[in-house]
Protein backbone atom coordinates (compact mmCIF):
# COMPACT_ATOMS: atom_id res chain seq x y z
CA MET A 1 -95.90 154.46 225.84
CA VAL A 2 -96.98 151.52 227.32
CA ASP A 3 -100.70 151.60 229.10
CA PRO A 4 -100.22 150.59 232.56
CA SER A 5 -103.64 148.37 232.83
CA ALA A 6 -102.64 146.31 230.18
CA ILE A 7 -99.71 145.47 231.64
CA ILE A 8 -101.53 144.54 234.96
CA LEU A 9 -104.04 142.87 232.63
CA THR A 10 -101.26 140.70 231.43
CA THR A 11 -99.33 140.02 234.41
CA PHE A 12 -102.93 139.01 236.02
CA PHE A 13 -103.73 136.35 233.41
CA LEU A 14 -99.86 135.01 233.05
CA GLY A 15 -100.44 134.62 236.82
CA LEU A 16 -103.67 132.43 236.64
CA ALA A 17 -102.03 130.67 233.42
CA LEU A 18 -99.06 129.82 235.95
CA THR A 19 -101.42 128.80 239.14
CA TYR A 20 -103.54 126.72 236.79
CA ILE A 21 -100.34 125.09 235.08
CA LEU A 22 -98.47 124.44 238.54
CA LYS A 23 -101.93 122.94 240.00
CA HIS A 24 -101.93 120.68 236.97
CA ILE A 25 -98.58 119.55 237.34
CA HIS A 26 -98.31 119.08 241.04
CA LYS A 27 -101.99 117.34 240.12
CA ASN A 28 -100.25 114.89 237.66
CA LYS A 29 -97.37 113.94 240.24
CA HIS A 30 -99.83 112.75 242.82
CA ASP A 31 -101.96 110.65 240.32
CA SER A 32 -98.51 109.06 238.48
CA SER A 33 -98.49 106.54 240.95
CA HIS A 34 -101.91 107.20 243.24
CA GLN A 35 -105.23 107.19 241.44
CA LEU A 36 -108.65 108.25 243.13
CA PRO A 37 -111.10 105.25 243.29
CA HIS A 38 -113.27 104.32 240.82
CA GLY A 39 -117.25 105.05 241.14
CA SER A 40 -119.97 106.64 239.95
CA MET A 41 -121.43 110.12 241.51
CA GLY A 42 -125.05 108.90 240.98
CA TRP A 43 -127.70 111.57 240.08
CA PRO A 44 -126.92 115.29 240.58
CA LEU A 45 -127.90 116.58 244.06
CA SER A 46 -129.04 113.28 245.25
CA GLY A 47 -125.78 111.04 244.06
CA GLU A 48 -126.49 107.60 245.48
CA THR A 49 -127.12 108.29 249.19
CA LEU A 50 -131.23 106.51 248.60
CA GLY A 51 -129.62 103.53 247.38
CA PHE A 52 -126.66 103.72 250.03
CA LEU A 53 -129.15 103.91 252.78
CA LYS A 54 -131.54 101.39 251.37
CA PRO A 55 -132.71 99.11 254.43
CA HIS A 56 -131.07 95.44 254.36
CA THR A 57 -130.27 93.12 257.09
CA SER A 58 -127.83 94.32 259.21
CA ASN A 59 -125.78 91.07 258.95
CA SER A 60 -125.44 91.14 255.42
CA LEU A 61 -123.62 94.37 253.32
CA GLY A 62 -126.45 94.80 251.32
CA ASN A 63 -127.04 95.06 247.71
CA PHE A 64 -125.80 98.39 247.19
CA LEU A 65 -122.18 97.88 248.58
CA GLU A 66 -122.22 94.68 247.44
CA GLU A 67 -122.90 95.81 243.95
CA HIS A 68 -120.28 99.05 243.94
CA CYS A 69 -117.32 96.46 245.83
CA SER A 70 -117.88 93.86 242.87
CA ARG A 71 -117.78 96.36 240.07
CA TYR A 72 -115.10 99.19 241.74
CA GLY A 73 -113.15 97.25 244.29
CA LYS A 74 -112.91 97.59 248.28
CA VAL A 75 -112.54 101.36 248.38
CA PHE A 76 -114.62 103.73 245.91
CA LYS A 77 -116.09 106.80 245.24
CA SER A 78 -119.75 108.30 245.18
CA HIS A 79 -121.64 110.93 246.01
CA LEU A 80 -123.52 110.79 249.65
CA PHE A 81 -124.80 113.32 251.77
CA GLY A 82 -124.78 116.06 249.49
CA SER A 83 -120.63 115.38 249.46
CA PRO A 84 -118.17 113.68 247.18
CA THR A 85 -117.19 110.81 248.87
CA ILE A 86 -114.75 108.01 249.38
CA VAL A 87 -116.26 104.77 250.91
CA SER A 88 -114.19 102.11 252.14
CA CYS A 89 -114.77 98.54 252.77
CA ASP A 90 -111.40 97.79 253.50
CA PHE A 91 -110.25 97.41 257.03
CA GLU A 92 -106.65 98.05 256.48
CA LEU A 93 -107.77 101.65 255.68
CA ASN A 94 -110.74 101.50 257.96
CA LEU A 95 -108.37 101.10 260.60
CA TYR A 96 -105.72 103.84 259.20
CA ILE A 97 -108.92 106.53 259.30
CA LEU A 98 -109.91 105.85 262.85
CA GLN A 99 -106.59 105.99 264.00
CA ASN A 100 -105.57 109.44 262.15
CA GLU A 101 -109.36 110.47 263.39
CA GLY A 102 -107.91 113.83 265.28
CA LYS A 103 -105.15 114.72 262.52
CA LEU A 104 -106.40 113.75 259.20
CA PHE A 105 -110.20 112.58 259.49
CA PRO A 106 -112.40 114.66 261.85
CA ALA A 107 -115.62 113.84 262.47
CA ASP A 108 -118.59 115.16 259.54
CA TYR A 109 -121.96 114.28 260.65
CA PRO A 110 -124.67 115.68 258.15
CA LYS A 111 -126.13 119.08 259.67
CA VAL A 112 -129.42 117.49 259.85
CA MET A 113 -127.96 115.39 262.84
CA HIS A 114 -126.48 118.83 264.35
CA ASN A 115 -129.88 120.26 264.25
CA ILE A 116 -130.54 117.25 266.37
CA LEU A 117 -128.49 116.28 269.04
CA GLY A 118 -126.69 119.63 269.66
CA LYS A 119 -123.58 121.68 269.00
CA PHE A 120 -121.53 120.01 272.15
CA ALA A 121 -122.71 116.49 271.33
CA LEU A 122 -119.49 114.06 271.39
CA LEU A 123 -120.59 112.59 268.54
CA LEU A 124 -119.98 115.66 266.45
CA VAL A 125 -117.19 117.99 268.35
CA ASN A 126 -113.20 117.67 267.87
CA GLY A 127 -110.11 118.63 269.05
CA ASP A 128 -110.10 120.02 272.50
CA LEU A 129 -113.31 120.07 273.19
CA HIS A 130 -114.22 116.89 272.32
CA ARG A 131 -111.03 115.45 274.25
CA LYS A 132 -112.54 117.46 277.48
CA LEU A 133 -115.90 115.70 277.22
CA ARG A 134 -115.25 112.66 276.72
CA ASN A 135 -112.70 112.75 279.44
CA THR A 136 -115.86 113.50 281.89
CA VAL A 137 -117.57 109.97 280.49
CA ILE A 138 -114.78 108.26 280.70
CA SER A 139 -114.45 109.14 284.54
CA PHE A 140 -117.97 108.36 285.09
CA VAL A 141 -117.47 105.17 283.91
CA SER A 142 -114.50 104.20 285.56
CA ALA A 143 -116.05 104.79 288.34
CA THR A 144 -119.36 102.90 288.12
CA LYS A 145 -118.86 99.73 286.09
CA CYS A 146 -117.47 97.77 288.88
CA ASP A 147 -119.40 99.55 291.93
CA SER A 148 -121.66 97.26 293.88
CA ASN A 149 -124.30 99.97 294.12
CA PHE A 150 -124.34 100.26 290.23
CA LEU A 151 -124.03 96.24 289.81
CA HIS A 152 -127.46 95.70 292.13
CA CYS A 153 -128.97 98.46 290.57
CA VAL A 154 -128.83 97.20 287.16
CA GLU A 155 -129.64 93.26 288.41
CA ARG A 156 -133.08 94.65 290.57
CA LEU A 157 -134.07 96.64 287.20
CA VAL A 158 -133.33 93.28 285.21
CA LEU A 159 -135.37 91.25 287.96
CA SER A 160 -138.19 93.52 288.08
CA ARG A 161 -138.76 93.65 283.94
CA ILE A 162 -138.80 89.82 283.67
CA ASN A 163 -140.73 89.21 286.56
CA SER A 164 -143.22 91.67 284.70
CA TRP A 165 -143.82 89.46 281.87
CA ASP A 166 -147.75 88.19 282.10
CA PRO A 167 -147.01 84.09 283.21
CA LEU A 168 -150.37 83.67 281.30
CA SER A 169 -148.79 84.44 277.88
CA ASN A 170 -146.06 82.84 276.80
CA GLN A 171 -145.43 85.68 274.13
CA VAL A 172 -142.90 88.97 274.94
CA ALA A 173 -142.20 91.91 272.36
CA PHE A 174 -138.57 91.78 273.07
CA TYR A 175 -137.16 94.60 271.22
CA LYS A 176 -139.64 96.85 273.57
CA GLU A 177 -138.57 95.34 276.91
CA ALA A 178 -135.20 95.75 276.19
CA LYS A 179 -135.75 99.47 275.74
CA ARG A 180 -137.65 99.49 278.76
CA TYR A 181 -134.78 97.63 280.75
CA THR A 182 -131.86 99.92 279.46
CA ILE A 183 -134.00 103.28 279.81
CA ASN A 184 -134.77 102.28 283.06
CA VAL A 185 -131.38 101.59 284.46
CA MET A 186 -129.69 105.03 282.69
CA LEU A 187 -132.65 106.85 284.40
CA LYS A 188 -131.99 105.60 287.87
CA HIS A 189 -128.05 105.41 287.85
CA LEU A 190 -127.83 108.51 286.03
CA LEU A 191 -130.68 111.08 287.12
CA ASN A 192 -131.87 109.34 289.84
CA ILE A 193 -135.46 108.89 288.99
CA ASN A 194 -137.34 105.61 289.46
CA PRO A 195 -139.16 103.52 286.44
CA ASP A 196 -142.23 104.16 288.13
CA GLU A 197 -142.11 107.40 288.43
CA PRO A 198 -144.38 109.78 285.82
CA LEU A 199 -141.12 111.59 284.83
CA ALA A 200 -139.90 108.06 283.46
CA CYS A 201 -142.35 107.64 281.26
CA LYS A 202 -142.31 110.96 280.11
CA ILE A 203 -138.38 111.32 279.35
CA LEU A 204 -139.01 108.25 277.51
CA GLN A 205 -141.47 109.25 275.04
CA HIS A 206 -139.37 112.00 274.00
CA PHE A 207 -136.36 109.91 273.57
CA GLU A 208 -138.34 107.87 271.07
CA ASN A 209 -139.06 110.79 269.23
CA TYR A 210 -135.57 112.36 269.96
CA ILE A 211 -134.06 108.78 267.99
CA LYS A 212 -136.43 108.55 265.33
CA GLY A 213 -135.06 111.65 263.89
CA PHE A 214 -131.51 110.81 263.02
CA VAL A 215 -132.76 108.61 259.96
CA SER A 216 -135.41 111.46 259.06
CA LEU A 217 -135.70 113.72 255.99
CA PRO A 218 -134.93 117.15 257.39
CA LEU A 219 -138.03 118.89 256.84
CA ASN A 220 -138.56 121.23 260.07
CA ILE A 221 -142.32 121.12 259.46
CA PRO A 222 -144.76 120.35 262.52
CA GLY A 223 -145.75 116.79 262.15
CA THR A 224 -142.77 115.54 260.47
CA ALA A 225 -139.95 112.99 262.64
CA TYR A 226 -137.32 115.58 262.06
CA PHE A 227 -139.08 118.51 263.77
CA LYS A 228 -140.55 116.19 266.72
CA ALA A 229 -137.04 115.17 267.33
CA VAL A 230 -135.83 118.83 267.48
CA LYS A 231 -138.86 119.77 269.90
CA ALA A 232 -137.83 116.38 271.83
CA ARG A 233 -134.46 117.62 272.41
CA LYS A 234 -135.15 120.61 273.68
CA LYS A 235 -138.09 119.21 276.25
CA LEU A 236 -135.11 116.83 277.35
CA SER A 237 -132.86 119.10 277.65
CA SER A 238 -135.69 121.22 279.89
CA ILE A 239 -135.90 118.32 281.96
CA ILE A 240 -132.48 117.66 282.62
CA GLN A 241 -131.41 121.21 283.15
CA ASP A 242 -134.21 121.63 285.94
CA ILE A 243 -132.81 118.70 287.37
CA ILE A 244 -129.42 120.26 287.67
CA LEU A 245 -130.70 123.56 289.44
CA GLU A 246 -132.14 121.22 292.05
CA LYS A 247 -129.06 119.38 292.94
CA ARG A 248 -127.33 122.83 292.71
CA LYS A 249 -129.85 123.79 295.78
CA GLY A 250 -128.83 120.70 297.63
CA GLU A 251 -131.82 118.79 297.33
CA PRO A 252 -130.91 115.01 296.76
CA VAL A 253 -132.58 114.67 292.94
CA GLY A 254 -129.32 114.19 291.08
CA GLY A 255 -128.13 110.55 290.72
CA ASP A 256 -124.04 109.38 290.59
CA LEU A 257 -123.42 111.22 286.99
CA LEU A 258 -124.21 114.62 288.01
CA ASN A 259 -122.15 114.39 291.20
CA VAL A 260 -119.13 113.41 288.93
CA ILE A 261 -119.94 116.10 286.38
CA LEU A 262 -121.33 118.85 288.47
CA SER A 263 -117.80 118.20 290.20
CA LYS A 264 -116.17 119.65 287.26
CA PRO A 265 -115.23 123.37 287.22
CA ASN A 266 -114.52 123.84 283.46
CA LEU A 267 -117.98 122.73 282.26
CA SER A 268 -120.85 125.05 281.16
CA ASP A 269 -124.72 123.80 281.78
CA GLU A 270 -125.14 122.90 277.99
CA GLU A 271 -121.96 120.82 278.42
CA ILE A 272 -123.06 119.08 281.01
CA VAL A 273 -127.08 118.78 279.32
CA SER A 274 -125.08 117.41 276.28
CA ILE A 275 -122.82 114.87 278.04
CA VAL A 276 -126.15 113.21 279.90
CA LEU A 277 -128.40 113.18 276.88
CA ASP A 278 -124.81 111.66 275.22
CA ILE A 279 -124.68 109.01 277.90
CA LEU A 280 -128.36 108.18 278.33
CA PHE A 281 -128.60 108.26 273.99
CA GLY A 282 -125.33 105.41 274.13
CA GLY A 283 -127.11 103.59 277.10
CA TYR A 284 -130.30 103.35 275.59
CA GLU A 285 -129.88 102.75 271.87
CA THR A 286 -126.64 100.63 271.62
CA THR A 287 -127.34 98.67 274.76
CA THR A 288 -131.30 97.95 273.55
CA LYS A 289 -129.87 96.47 270.24
CA VAL A 290 -126.99 94.73 271.14
CA LEU A 291 -129.07 92.81 274.07
CA SER A 292 -131.58 92.04 271.08
CA LEU A 293 -129.56 90.79 268.33
CA ILE A 294 -127.95 88.70 270.94
CA VAL A 295 -131.55 86.87 271.78
CA TYR A 296 -132.11 86.89 268.17
CA PHE A 297 -128.45 85.19 267.33
CA LEU A 298 -128.85 82.70 269.73
CA GLY A 299 -131.89 81.68 269.17
CA GLY A 300 -130.86 79.90 266.25
CA ALA A 301 -127.42 78.95 267.66
CA SER A 302 -128.37 75.89 270.11
CA ASN A 303 -124.51 75.39 270.82
CA ALA A 304 -123.75 78.41 272.10
CA LEU A 305 -127.03 78.92 274.08
CA GLU A 306 -126.28 75.62 276.11
CA ARG A 307 -122.62 76.75 276.92
CA LEU A 308 -124.27 80.07 277.48
CA LYS A 309 -126.34 78.29 280.38
CA GLU A 310 -123.73 76.38 281.46
CA GLU A 311 -121.34 79.45 282.08
CA HIS A 312 -124.10 81.31 284.18
CA GLN A 313 -125.59 77.98 286.27
CA GLU A 314 -121.63 77.22 287.31
CA ILE A 315 -121.56 81.39 288.93
CA ARG A 316 -125.55 80.81 290.42
CA GLU A 317 -124.22 77.59 292.16
CA ARG A 318 -121.34 78.99 293.78
CA LYS A 319 -123.61 81.67 295.39
CA ASP A 320 -126.08 81.92 298.24
CA GLU A 321 -129.99 81.59 297.28
CA GLY A 322 -131.03 85.26 296.35
CA GLU A 323 -127.41 86.53 296.53
CA LEU A 324 -126.93 89.43 293.93
CA LEU A 325 -124.05 89.10 291.24
CA ASN A 326 -120.78 91.30 291.89
CA TRP A 327 -117.76 92.37 289.97
CA GLU A 328 -116.35 89.04 290.52
CA ASP A 329 -119.13 87.24 288.64
CA TYR A 330 -118.75 89.34 286.29
CA LYS A 331 -115.03 88.69 285.18
CA HIS A 332 -116.11 84.78 285.20
CA MET A 333 -118.51 85.49 282.52
CA GLU A 334 -116.07 85.14 279.38
CA PHE A 335 -118.32 83.32 277.26
CA THR A 336 -120.85 85.87 277.86
CA GLN A 337 -118.17 88.35 276.52
CA ASN A 338 -117.77 86.00 273.49
CA VAL A 339 -121.25 86.08 272.84
CA ILE A 340 -121.63 90.00 273.01
CA ASN A 341 -118.88 90.47 270.69
CA GLU A 342 -119.71 88.32 268.23
CA ALA A 343 -123.59 89.39 268.46
CA MET A 344 -122.00 93.28 267.67
CA ARG A 345 -119.72 91.32 264.90
CA CYS A 346 -122.44 90.00 262.88
CA GLY A 347 -125.54 92.70 263.85
CA ASN A 348 -123.51 95.80 263.07
CA VAL A 349 -125.55 98.26 265.19
CA VAL A 350 -122.79 100.75 263.50
CA LYS A 351 -122.54 100.23 259.82
CA PHE A 352 -120.32 103.10 259.12
CA LEU A 353 -118.88 106.42 260.50
CA HIS A 354 -118.96 109.84 259.17
CA ARG A 355 -115.49 111.28 258.07
CA LYS A 356 -113.68 114.07 256.21
CA ALA A 357 -110.07 114.49 254.90
CA VAL A 358 -108.79 117.97 255.97
CA GLN A 359 -106.00 117.31 253.57
CA TYR A 360 -104.63 115.29 250.42
CA VAL A 361 -104.00 111.43 251.69
CA LYS A 362 -102.52 108.84 249.93
CA PHE A 363 -103.04 105.32 251.38
CA LYS A 364 -100.76 102.21 249.28
CA ASP A 365 -102.21 103.35 245.65
CA ILE A 366 -105.50 105.02 247.04
CA VAL A 367 -105.96 108.82 246.94
CA ILE A 368 -108.28 110.57 249.49
CA PRO A 369 -108.91 114.11 247.81
CA ALA A 370 -108.82 116.87 250.90
CA GLY A 371 -112.11 118.07 251.31
CA TRP A 372 -114.27 114.71 250.45
CA LYS A 373 -116.15 112.97 252.86
CA VAL A 374 -114.99 109.81 253.95
CA LEU A 375 -117.17 106.73 254.91
CA PRO A 376 -115.47 103.57 256.69
CA VAL A 377 -118.33 101.18 256.56
CA LEU A 378 -117.28 99.20 259.49
CA SER A 379 -119.65 96.10 258.77
CA ALA A 380 -117.38 95.45 255.69
CA GLY A 381 -114.85 94.32 257.99
CA HIS A 382 -116.76 92.45 260.18
CA LEU A 383 -118.46 89.78 257.15
CA ASP A 384 -115.21 89.89 255.53
CA PRO A 385 -114.66 85.91 254.37
CA THR A 386 -111.20 86.46 254.14
CA LEU A 387 -110.62 87.81 257.57
CA PHE A 388 -113.23 85.48 259.38
CA GLU A 389 -113.94 81.68 258.11
CA ASN A 390 -117.84 81.41 257.39
CA SER A 391 -117.95 85.39 258.20
CA LEU A 392 -121.85 85.37 258.18
CA GLU A 393 -122.22 82.36 260.58
CA PHE A 394 -122.92 83.60 264.02
CA ASN A 395 -120.14 81.66 266.39
CA PRO A 396 -119.01 83.01 269.41
CA PHE A 397 -116.39 80.04 269.99
CA ARG A 398 -114.51 81.73 267.21
CA TRP A 399 -113.41 84.53 269.96
CA ASN A 400 -111.54 82.09 271.90
CA ASP A 401 -108.74 82.93 269.15
CA ASN A 402 -107.48 86.53 270.79
CA SER A 403 -106.32 87.59 267.09
CA THR A 404 -110.52 87.99 266.66
CA SER A 405 -110.77 91.24 268.69
CA LYS A 406 -108.03 92.62 266.10
CA LYS A 407 -110.50 92.08 262.99
CA VAL A 408 -113.18 94.22 264.73
CA ALA A 409 -114.02 97.65 265.35
CA PRO A 410 -117.92 97.52 266.55
CA PHE A 411 -117.67 100.73 269.03
CA GLY A 412 -115.20 102.48 266.29
CA GLY A 413 -111.64 102.99 267.18
CA GLY A 414 -108.86 105.65 267.96
CA PRO A 415 -110.14 108.60 270.15
CA ARG A 416 -113.66 108.24 269.54
CA LEU A 417 -113.66 104.45 270.70
CA CYS A 418 -116.91 104.54 272.45
CA PRO A 419 -116.40 105.34 276.36
CA GLY A 420 -119.53 103.62 277.33
CA ALA A 421 -118.88 100.27 276.09
CA ASP A 422 -117.93 99.03 279.36
CA LEU A 423 -121.17 99.89 281.56
CA ALA A 424 -123.29 98.15 278.28
CA LYS A 425 -121.33 95.02 278.42
CA VAL A 426 -122.20 94.60 282.32
CA GLU A 427 -125.68 95.40 281.78
CA ILE A 428 -125.81 93.03 278.80
CA ALA A 429 -124.17 90.36 280.67
CA PHE A 430 -126.91 90.49 284.08
CA PHE A 431 -130.01 90.83 281.51
CA LEU A 432 -128.50 87.30 279.92
CA HIS A 433 -127.47 85.51 283.47
CA HIS A 434 -131.13 85.66 284.54
CA LEU A 435 -132.60 85.16 281.03
CA VAL A 436 -130.86 81.86 279.97
CA LEU A 437 -131.34 80.32 283.43
CA ASN A 438 -135.06 81.07 283.52
CA TYR A 439 -136.40 81.01 279.88
CA ARG A 440 -136.16 79.10 276.73
CA TRP A 441 -137.72 80.84 273.81
CA LYS A 442 -137.96 80.57 269.84
CA ILE A 443 -138.38 83.69 267.66
CA LYS A 444 -141.92 84.02 266.60
CA ASP A 445 -141.73 85.60 263.32
CA ASP A 446 -138.93 86.14 260.47
CA ASP A 447 -138.09 89.04 261.97
CA PRO A 448 -134.12 89.68 261.04
CA PRO A 449 -132.27 93.14 262.50
CA LEU A 450 -132.25 95.53 259.56
CA ALA A 451 -130.47 98.38 258.93
CA PHE A 452 -131.86 101.36 258.32
CA PRO A 453 -128.82 102.44 258.34
CA TYR A 454 -129.52 102.23 262.26
CA VAL A 455 -130.47 98.71 263.34
CA GLU A 456 -133.91 98.20 263.84
CA PHE A 457 -136.39 95.02 264.44
CA THR A 458 -139.60 96.08 262.53
CA GLY A 459 -142.00 93.54 263.89
CA GLY A 460 -140.82 93.90 267.98
CA LEU A 461 -138.56 90.82 268.00
CA LEU A 462 -141.96 88.51 269.26
CA LEU A 463 -140.55 86.02 271.39
CA ASP A 464 -142.44 82.49 272.19
CA LEU A 465 -141.18 82.29 276.11
CA GLU A 466 -141.47 78.85 278.07
CA PRO A 467 -139.93 78.89 281.67
CA THR A 468 -136.81 76.30 282.19
CA GLY A 469 -137.78 73.30 283.69
CA SER A 470 -140.73 72.56 281.09
CA THR A 471 -140.94 71.15 277.92
CA PHE A 472 -141.08 74.17 275.46
CA GLY A 473 -144.29 74.61 273.91
CA GLU A 474 -146.49 72.72 276.51
CA HIS A 475 -148.65 74.33 278.68
CA PRO A 476 -150.25 73.05 281.91
């Protein structure tokens, strides 16, 4: 008599063997015409993360990507941020990843960022929740960007910042000045907080700690950048929550943003706080860096700077003395848009994005396994000599060719295209209007923009400034 347990065990092991054989056949079927990219998985645990994140000038790929692309090609495998990873420096594949974000490649940022940003951050959420929160931001931006109150607010803050510079000193730490300007715009228009209010200084201090935590080791120990960032996020959330509560009491403390988001019945308080922090973060961090990059690149591009001055002089000559800029003036800043776009292409505020393949993906002869992290490196396309002639050169005139815009993705792409890009461009354009008409400058020290991986000017971007109308370097 046959032992029933033996039959069960035999059937079990035969099933395992059959499953293995079928998987092996399936794998061979896929790999026969499509190959997993070549590459190196690096060291155990850390993989190649430290090499990938090694600081380098932001208008270059850096040694890590240059060496790997040279050895393995524009698409290669690695082990980054604790996961097996496909790194793409291929422009076509990057576009495919961005365009299929919702279906194939959802956002997949490291857990350290989840703890700092919060569970409702636009950068992290996916699906219906992402669409709901993003649509709220878009409705705010659409109602704001051409509103005369917003435009006049921006210009007055530009003048306030520039007029605060010491007339007896010809030196300005421009990176710091750009930070002050952009945070003041955000606080005034989003939360109705004036730059001279004590709360503005308090928020700026918390915000600095908040941002520094993004590129820190996830050590939740008092004194570390990560610990300070998590703590700063809680304090910022508490401040915004208090403003929301006061707004609901009917007291006039809320700005335009609160008028928009508080009118949305389907948003929780936690989601509202997250939206405010998202806009503050994007408006402060991204705008600051792009404006600083423009000033840096224009310092070595006299032809572009001269054309920019001409454009803004033409706009100023059409206006009465003391008259503020309006939406029609902004629409005439065409070369200014070229300068902004070229600075983003060369400077690469966003070097790469975090995505994850949720299923097996084939692109041309490339295999992306399900469950693998995918990093589209946006800067690789921006600096690709096959896409741009003299790709490392800052040349805003190249944007006269309408096809140029189709080769860049400085604000991401697909359903995650930055919703606040239009506001950032207005703020930058208005600042440049007054800067180029009133000053000329030279960069005091060698202080190129560095990718950490986020762009930084470690020396503060010190400028030697001289009012226009006198010879640069001469003093009365």
